[in-house]
C-alpha cells in the first residue's frame, strides 16, 4: 500500500482528500498535519470520520512527515506551501500541491498577484495538474500544481474551442458562481450564515480575482497566443459547487449539432468530463460529491456568440478529487481509482 500524508488536513479540502482516499484500494493515509488542531484526532475535528479515520493530527515537521509517506498532498494556503515543498522535493517525495504556489510558471506574475516567490526555481519543476490537458506530463512529474476550482470549470469549458481556433480569444467573458466552501473553513464575516443565506452577490470584480492569471496562462497556451479574459466570480448560498457560464464570439458559423460533436470528440474517453446533449444544461446538483465536470455548449445565432455552461463540485473536481486523479496518474493506478462515486442527489 502506498503511504499518504496530507499536510493541512483540517480544512475542507483535507477532509475531502480523506473521504476519497479512504475508499482507494491502493493507498493508506498514514500522516495528517494541522497547526491549529495538533494533538486532536481528525475525527474530533470532523465527526463524519468517527470510526473510519481516527489519526492524531501532528504539527508540521517536514522531515518527520516525509518519513511517514510516499506521496504528500499539501493542502495549505499560498506561501505556506512553498515554505515546505522544497524540503519534500529534496527528500525525493512526490507532491501534489493544492495551493496556488506552483500554478503560475512566471515568478513575476506570481509576485504581482500574491507575493515574491520563495523558491522560483521550483516553478520549472511543477506540472499544471489538469489531466484532460496535461495527462502525459503529469505522469512523469515530481511536483503537480493542482488547479484552482474556478480555472478548472472555465478551462475545461473553453479548451476545444481555443484548441481549434473557433472563437475570438479577445472576446471571452466568464461568470462563475461558487458555494461558500470555496472560501475555506476559517471564520470570516463574509462567510457567516447570516451574511450568505438568502443572498447572491458578485465579488472581486474588475479583474481582481487571483485565479485570473492562472486561467489566462492556460487558455493562452491552448490558443497559442496571449489572451485576457473578463472574469466575475459570485457567491451563492449553498455549501459546494461551481457553475460557470462562459461567452465568446465565434470565428465561423457553427450549429449546435456541430458544436456538440466537436465537444464529444475532444473529450472522448475522458472519465470525468460529460458533454450534455443539446437542450440539457448542467447543474451543480448533478455533480455534488463527484469528480465529474458537466459541460453544455450552445450557439447564440442572434449574436454570433457561443455560450458554454460547466458545473463541478469545487471540493472534488475543483480540488481534492482532481488531486487524487493526479496521484493516480503519477503512480500508474487506474485514473478513476477512489473516484468512482456518483453524485449525491438530492
Protein backbone atom coordinates (compact mmCIF):
# COMPACT_ATOMS: atom_id res chain seq x y z
CA UNK A 1 0.00 0.00 0.00
CA UNK A 2 1.22 3.49 -0.86
CA UNK A 3 1.56 5.69 2.22
CA UNK A 4 -0.10 9.13 2.05
CA UNK A 5 0.44 12.29 4.08
CA UNK A 6 -1.96 15.22 3.99
CA UNK A 7 -0.35 18.47 5.13
CA UNK A 8 -3.10 20.85 6.24
CA UNK A 9 -5.72 18.20 6.87
CA UNK A 10 -8.16 20.22 9.00
CA UNK A 11 -9.66 22.25 6.13
CA UNK A 12 -12.42 21.24 3.75
CA UNK A 13 -10.01 20.03 1.06
CA UNK A 14 -8.18 17.95 3.67
CA UNK A 15 -11.44 16.31 4.73
CA UNK A 16 -12.38 15.65 1.12
CA UNK A 17 -8.99 14.04 0.47
CA UNK A 18 -9.50 11.71 3.45
CA UNK A 19 -13.03 10.84 2.29
CA UNK A 20 -11.83 9.94 -1.21
CA UNK A 21 -8.61 8.18 -0.20
CA UNK A 22 -10.45 6.09 2.39
CA UNK A 23 -12.05 4.11 -0.44
CA UNK A 24 -8.94 3.99 -2.64
CA UNK A 25 -7.77 0.36 -2.97
CA UNK A 26 -4.04 1.13 -3.31
CA UNK A 27 -3.28 3.68 -0.59
CA UNK A 28 -3.38 4.25 3.16
CA UNK A 29 -3.38 7.62 4.90
CA UNK A 30 -0.54 7.49 7.43
CA UNK A 31 0.07 11.11 8.43
CA UNK A 32 -2.13 14.19 8.91
CA UNK A 33 -0.94 17.62 9.99
CA UNK A 34 -2.69 20.68 11.38
CA UNK A 35 -1.09 23.58 13.17
CA UNK A 36 -4.34 24.61 14.85
CA UNK A 37 -5.58 21.15 15.87
CA UNK A 38 -2.37 19.23 16.54
CA UNK A 39 -2.89 16.60 19.23
CA UNK A 40 -6.54 16.04 18.37
CA UNK A 41 -7.88 13.11 16.42
CA UNK A 42 -9.08 14.09 12.98
CA UNK A 43 -12.46 12.58 13.89
CA UNK A 44 -12.76 15.19 16.64
CA UNK A 45 -12.31 17.93 14.06
CA UNK A 46 -14.61 16.21 11.55
CA UNK A 47 -17.10 13.88 13.31
CA UNK A 48 -18.11 12.38 9.94
CA UNK A 49 -14.83 10.42 10.12
CA UNK A 50 -15.56 8.84 13.50
CA UNK A 51 -14.73 5.14 13.44
CA UNK A 52 -13.24 5.36 9.96
CA UNK A 53 -10.25 7.66 10.37
CA UNK A 54 -9.09 8.49 13.89
CA UNK A 55 -5.48 9.51 13.16
CA UNK A 56 -3.99 12.05 15.57
CA UNK A 57 -3.10 15.34 13.89
CA UNK A 58 0.54 16.41 14.11
CA UNK A 59 2.43 19.68 13.89
CA UNK A 60 4.06 20.19 10.52
CA UNK A 61 7.65 18.93 10.66
CA UNK A 62 8.59 18.29 7.01
CA UNK A 63 11.31 15.68 7.63
CA UNK A 64 9.10 13.72 10.01
CA UNK A 65 6.17 13.87 7.58
CA UNK A 66 8.38 12.66 4.72
CA UNK A 67 9.49 9.66 6.79
CA UNK A 68 5.86 8.52 7.03
CA UNK A 69 4.75 8.95 3.42
CA UNK A 70 5.46 8.13 -0.20
CA UNK A 71 3.12 10.79 -1.62
CA UNK A 72 2.40 14.13 0.05
CA UNK A 73 -0.64 16.30 -0.53
CA UNK A 74 -0.10 19.89 0.58
CA UNK A 75 -3.48 21.45 1.33
CA UNK A 76 -2.11 24.72 2.68
CA UNK A 77 -2.72 28.41 1.91
CA UNK A 78 -0.44 30.16 -0.55
CA UNK A 79 3.00 30.98 0.88
CA UNK A 80 2.68 28.21 3.48
CA UNK A 81 3.03 25.57 0.77
CA UNK A 82 6.20 26.98 -0.78
CA UNK A 83 7.82 27.07 2.65
CA UNK A 84 7.72 23.24 2.92
CA UNK A 85 7.57 21.90 -0.64
CA UNK A 86 11.33 22.40 -1.28
CA UNK A 87 12.16 20.12 1.66
CA UNK A 88 9.84 17.41 0.36
CA UNK A 89 11.40 17.70 -3.10
CA UNK A 90 14.93 17.36 -1.69
CA UNK A 91 13.84 14.24 0.18
CA UNK A 92 12.68 12.72 -3.10
CA UNK A 93 8.96 12.76 -2.37
CA UNK A 94 6.23 13.26 -4.95
CA UNK A 95 3.99 16.19 -4.09
CA UNK A 96 0.54 17.29 -5.17
CA UNK A 97 0.10 20.88 -4.08
CA UNK A 98 -3.43 22.23 -3.76
CA UNK A 99 -2.34 25.83 -3.15
CA UNK A 100 -1.65 28.48 -5.79
CA UNK A 101 2.10 28.49 -5.13
CA UNK A 102 3.21 26.44 -8.15
CA UNK A 103 0.43 27.03 -10.67
CA UNK A 104 1.96 30.10 -12.33
CA UNK A 105 5.06 29.42 -14.39
CA UNK A 106 6.30 33.03 -14.32
CA UNK A 107 7.56 34.13 -10.88
CA UNK A 108 6.99 37.77 -11.82
CA UNK A 109 3.29 37.07 -12.41
CA UNK A 110 3.08 35.21 -9.10
CA UNK A 111 4.71 38.18 -7.39
CA UNK A 112 2.23 40.59 -8.96
CA UNK A 113 -0.84 38.68 -7.75
CA UNK A 114 0.43 37.14 -4.50
CA UNK A 115 3.91 37.93 -3.14
CA UNK A 116 7.54 37.37 -4.16
CA UNK A 117 8.05 33.64 -4.70
CA UNK A 118 10.33 31.99 -2.14
CA UNK A 119 11.71 29.32 -4.49
CA UNK A 120 11.06 30.31 -8.12
CA UNK A 121 13.46 27.63 -9.37
CA UNK A 122 10.85 25.03 -8.43
CA UNK A 123 8.25 26.56 -10.73
CA UNK A 124 10.06 24.89 -13.64
CA UNK A 125 9.61 21.51 -11.97
CA UNK A 126 5.88 21.90 -11.47
CA UNK A 127 3.34 20.48 -13.91
CA UNK A 128 -0.10 22.08 -14.05
CA UNK A 129 -2.37 19.26 -12.97
CA UNK A 130 -5.35 19.37 -15.32
CA UNK A 131 -5.40 15.75 -16.53
CA UNK A 132 -7.59 16.35 -19.56
CA UNK A 133 -4.96 18.77 -20.93
CA UNK A 134 -1.64 17.65 -19.36
CA UNK A 135 -2.05 13.92 -18.76
CA UNK A 136 1.29 12.71 -20.15
CA UNK A 137 3.29 15.46 -18.42
CA UNK A 138 1.61 14.69 -15.09
CA UNK A 139 2.65 11.04 -15.29
CA UNK A 140 6.34 11.97 -15.17
CA UNK A 141 6.15 14.81 -12.65
CA UNK A 142 7.53 15.05 -9.13
CA UNK A 143 5.55 18.19 -8.28
CA UNK A 144 1.99 18.65 -9.51
CA UNK A 145 0.29 22.03 -9.14
CA UNK A 146 -3.35 21.13 -8.65
CA UNK A 147 -5.56 23.65 -10.50
CA UNK A 148 -7.91 26.10 -8.84
CA UNK A 149 -11.63 25.45 -8.82
CA UNK A 150 -12.75 28.37 -10.99
CA UNK A 151 -9.96 27.74 -13.53
CA UNK A 152 -10.91 24.06 -13.83
CA UNK A 153 -14.51 24.90 -14.71
CA UNK A 154 -13.55 27.60 -17.22
CA UNK A 155 -10.57 25.91 -18.90
CA UNK A 156 -12.42 22.65 -19.50
CA UNK A 157 -15.36 24.57 -20.97
CA UNK A 158 -13.18 26.54 -23.41
CA UNK A 159 -10.42 24.08 -24.32
CA UNK A 160 -11.93 22.60 -27.51
CA UNK A 161 -12.86 26.00 -28.97
CA UNK A 162 -9.44 27.52 -28.33
CA UNK A 163 -7.55 24.44 -29.47
CA UNK A 164 -9.26 24.56 -32.86
CA UNK A 165 -9.35 28.35 -33.23
CA UNK A 166 -13.13 28.56 -33.32
CA UNK A 167 -13.55 31.67 -31.13
CA UNK A 168 -12.04 35.12 -30.90
CA UNK A 169 -9.62 34.82 -27.92
CA UNK A 170 -10.11 38.50 -27.04
CA UNK A 171 -13.87 38.10 -26.58
CA UNK A 172 -14.01 35.71 -23.61
CA UNK A 173 -16.22 36.60 -20.65
CA UNK A 174 -16.73 34.20 -17.74
CA UNK A 175 -19.26 34.46 -14.92
CA UNK A 176 -18.82 31.84 -12.21
CA UNK A 177 -20.89 31.15 -9.11
CA UNK A 178 -19.44 29.20 -6.17
CA UNK A 179 -20.70 27.72 -2.94
CA UNK A 180 -19.40 29.02 0.38
CA UNK A 181 -16.86 26.21 0.92
CA UNK A 182 -14.75 27.90 -1.74
CA UNK A 183 -13.77 30.45 0.92
CA UNK A 184 -12.30 27.76 3.17
CA UNK A 185 -13.09 26.79 6.76
CA UNK A 186 -11.56 29.74 8.60
CA UNK A 187 -14.02 32.09 10.25
CA UNK A 188 -14.70 35.13 8.06
CA UNK A 189 -17.54 37.64 8.32
CA UNK A 190 -18.36 37.31 4.61
CA UNK A 191 -18.84 33.54 5.04
CA UNK A 192 -21.12 33.62 8.09
CA UNK A 193 -24.55 32.07 7.65
CA UNK A 194 -26.41 35.35 8.06
CA UNK A 195 -24.13 37.03 5.52
CA UNK A 196 -24.50 34.29 2.88
CA UNK A 197 -28.02 32.93 3.33
CA UNK A 198 -30.73 34.33 1.03
CA UNK A 199 -28.16 36.36 -0.87
CA UNK A 200 -26.37 36.13 -4.22
CA UNK A 201 -23.55 38.54 -4.90
CA UNK A 202 -20.52 39.21 -7.04
CA UNK A 203 -17.09 39.84 -5.55
CA UNK A 204 -13.52 40.63 -6.71
CA UNK A 205 -14.93 42.37 -9.79
CA UNK A 206 -12.96 44.37 -12.32
CA UNK A 207 -10.21 41.81 -12.87
CA UNK A 208 -9.26 41.50 -9.20
CA UNK A 209 -9.60 37.75 -8.55
CA UNK A 210 -6.33 35.84 -8.08
CA UNK A 211 -7.43 32.99 -10.31
CA UNK A 212 -7.32 35.26 -13.38
CA UNK A 213 -3.60 34.84 -14.20
CA UNK A 214 -3.94 31.06 -13.85
CA UNK A 215 -6.90 30.99 -16.21
CA UNK A 216 -5.19 33.28 -18.71
CA UNK A 217 -1.93 31.30 -18.59
CA UNK A 218 -3.63 28.03 -19.51
CA UNK A 219 -6.06 29.50 -22.05
CA UNK A 220 -3.18 31.32 -23.76
CA UNK A 221 -1.30 28.04 -24.14
CA UNK A 222 -4.38 26.44 -25.68
CA UNK A 223 -4.94 29.39 -28.02
CA UNK A 224 -1.27 29.68 -29.00
CA UNK A 225 -1.28 33.40 -28.23
CA UNK A 226 -1.56 35.64 -25.16
CA UNK A 227 -5.11 36.46 -24.17
CA UNK A 228 -7.03 38.22 -21.42
CA UNK A 229 -10.50 37.45 -20.14
CA UNK A 230 -13.19 39.26 -18.20
CA UNK A 231 -13.93 37.13 -15.13
CA UNK A 232 -16.50 37.81 -12.42
CA UNK A 233 -16.97 35.38 -9.52
CA UNK A 234 -20.15 35.19 -7.45
CA UNK A 235 -21.00 33.70 -4.07
CA UNK A 236 -24.11 31.50 -3.90
CA UNK A 237 -25.86 30.49 -0.65
CA UNK A 238 -25.03 26.78 -0.94
CA UNK A 239 -22.29 24.59 0.53
CA UNK A 240 -20.46 23.39 -2.56
CA UNK A 241 -20.40 23.54 -6.33
CA UNK A 242 -19.39 25.90 -9.14
CA UNK A 243 -21.45 26.83 -12.15
CA UNK A 244 -19.56 28.77 -14.83
CA UNK A 245 -21.19 30.49 -17.78
CA UNK A 246 -18.68 31.49 -20.44
CA UNK A 247 -19.28 33.64 -23.53
CA UNK A 248 -17.10 34.07 -26.63
CA UNK A 249 -17.57 35.34 -30.19
CA UNK A 250 -17.48 32.62 -32.84
CA UNK A 251 -14.92 32.91 -35.66
CA UNK A 252 -17.14 30.92 -38.01
CA UNK A 253 -20.77 29.87 -38.24
CA UNK A 254 -21.44 26.74 -36.19
CA UNK A 255 -24.59 24.76 -35.48
CA UNK A 256 -25.46 23.31 -32.11
CA UNK A 257 -25.07 19.83 -33.58
CA UNK A 258 -21.56 20.59 -34.89
CA UNK A 259 -20.59 22.09 -31.55
CA UNK A 260 -21.86 19.08 -29.60
CA UNK A 261 -19.98 16.70 -31.91
CA UNK A 262 -16.78 18.72 -31.50
CA UNK A 263 -17.02 18.53 -27.70
CA UNK A 264 -17.86 14.83 -27.64
CA UNK A 265 -14.87 14.05 -29.86
CA UNK A 266 -12.48 16.31 -27.94
CA UNK A 267 -13.38 14.69 -24.62
CA UNK A 268 -13.91 11.16 -25.93
CA UNK A 269 -12.60 8.66 -23.40
CA UNK A 270 -12.29 11.21 -20.60
CA UNK A 271 -13.67 9.52 -17.49
CA UNK A 272 -14.75 12.70 -15.70
CA UNK A 273 -15.99 15.06 -18.41
CA UNK A 274 -19.61 14.64 -19.51
CA UNK A 275 -20.85 16.52 -22.56
CA UNK A 276 -24.57 17.04 -22.24
CA UNK A 277 -26.97 16.65 -25.18
CA UNK A 278 -28.47 19.72 -26.84
CA UNK A 279 -31.20 21.24 -24.72
CA UNK A 280 -29.81 19.88 -21.43
CA UNK A 281 -27.92 22.19 -19.09
CA UNK A 282 -25.53 21.40 -16.22
CA UNK A 283 -26.50 21.80 -12.58
CA UNK A 284 -24.28 21.71 -9.52
CA UNK A 285 -26.85 19.33 -8.01
CA UNK A 286 -25.90 16.66 -10.54
CA UNK A 287 -22.15 16.69 -9.78
CA UNK A 288 -22.25 17.23 -6.00
CA UNK A 289 -19.77 14.93 -4.27
CA UNK A 290 -18.43 13.57 -7.58
CA UNK A 291 -15.36 14.20 -9.74
CA UNK A 292 -17.41 15.00 -12.84
CA UNK A 293 -17.40 18.15 -14.90
CA UNK A 294 -20.62 18.55 -16.89
CA UNK A 295 -20.46 20.82 -19.94
CA UNK A 296 -23.07 22.17 -22.35
CA UNK A 297 -22.28 24.27 -25.43
CA UNK A 298 -24.84 26.36 -27.31
CA UNK A 299 -24.71 28.71 -30.29
CA UNK A 300 -26.46 32.05 -29.90
CA UNK A 301 -27.08 32.61 -33.62
CA UNK A 302 -28.62 36.02 -32.92
CA UNK A 303 -25.38 37.49 -31.56
CA UNK A 304 -22.79 35.17 -33.10
CA UNK A 305 -21.61 34.12 -29.66
CA UNK A 306 -21.08 30.69 -28.18
CA UNK A 307 -22.41 30.16 -24.67
CA UNK A 308 -20.80 27.49 -22.52
CA UNK A 309 -22.02 26.22 -19.15
CA UNK A 310 -19.98 23.94 -16.91
CA UNK A 311 -20.65 22.51 -13.45
CA UNK A 312 -18.24 20.95 -10.96
CA UNK A 313 -18.06 20.26 -7.25
CA UNK A 314 -15.46 22.80 -6.14
CA UNK A 315 -14.15 20.45 -3.43
CA UNK A 316 -13.85 17.41 -5.71
CA UNK A 317 -13.06 18.09 -9.38
CA UNK A 318 -12.19 21.62 -8.25
CA UNK A 319 -9.72 20.43 -5.59
CA UNK A 320 -9.33 17.09 -3.81
CA UNK A 321 -10.83 14.75 -6.39
CA UNK A 322 -8.65 16.21 -9.10
CA UNK A 323 -5.66 15.86 -6.74
CA UNK A 324 -6.39 12.15 -6.36
CA UNK A 325 -6.84 11.87 -10.13
CA UNK A 326 -3.35 13.37 -10.45
CA UNK A 327 -1.98 10.95 -7.85
CA UNK A 328 -3.39 8.04 -9.84
CA UNK A 329 -1.58 9.28 -12.94
CA UNK A 330 1.67 9.79 -11.02
CA UNK A 331 1.57 6.30 -9.54
CA UNK A 332 0.30 4.34 -12.53
CA UNK A 333 -3.02 3.47 -10.88
CA UNK A 334 -6.27 3.37 -12.88
CA UNK A 335 -7.20 7.03 -13.24
CA UNK A 336 -10.63 6.50 -11.71
CA UNK A 337 -9.43 4.67 -8.56
CA UNK A 338 -11.14 6.06 -5.49
CA UNK A 339 -13.18 8.42 -7.66
CA UNK A 340 -15.99 6.19 -8.86
CA UNK A 341 -18.60 7.69 -6.52
CA UNK A 342 -21.68 9.11 -8.21
CA UNK A 343 -23.09 12.49 -7.31
CA UNK A 344 -25.13 12.81 -4.11
CA UNK A 345 -28.73 13.69 -5.05
CA UNK A 346 -30.99 15.10 -3.79
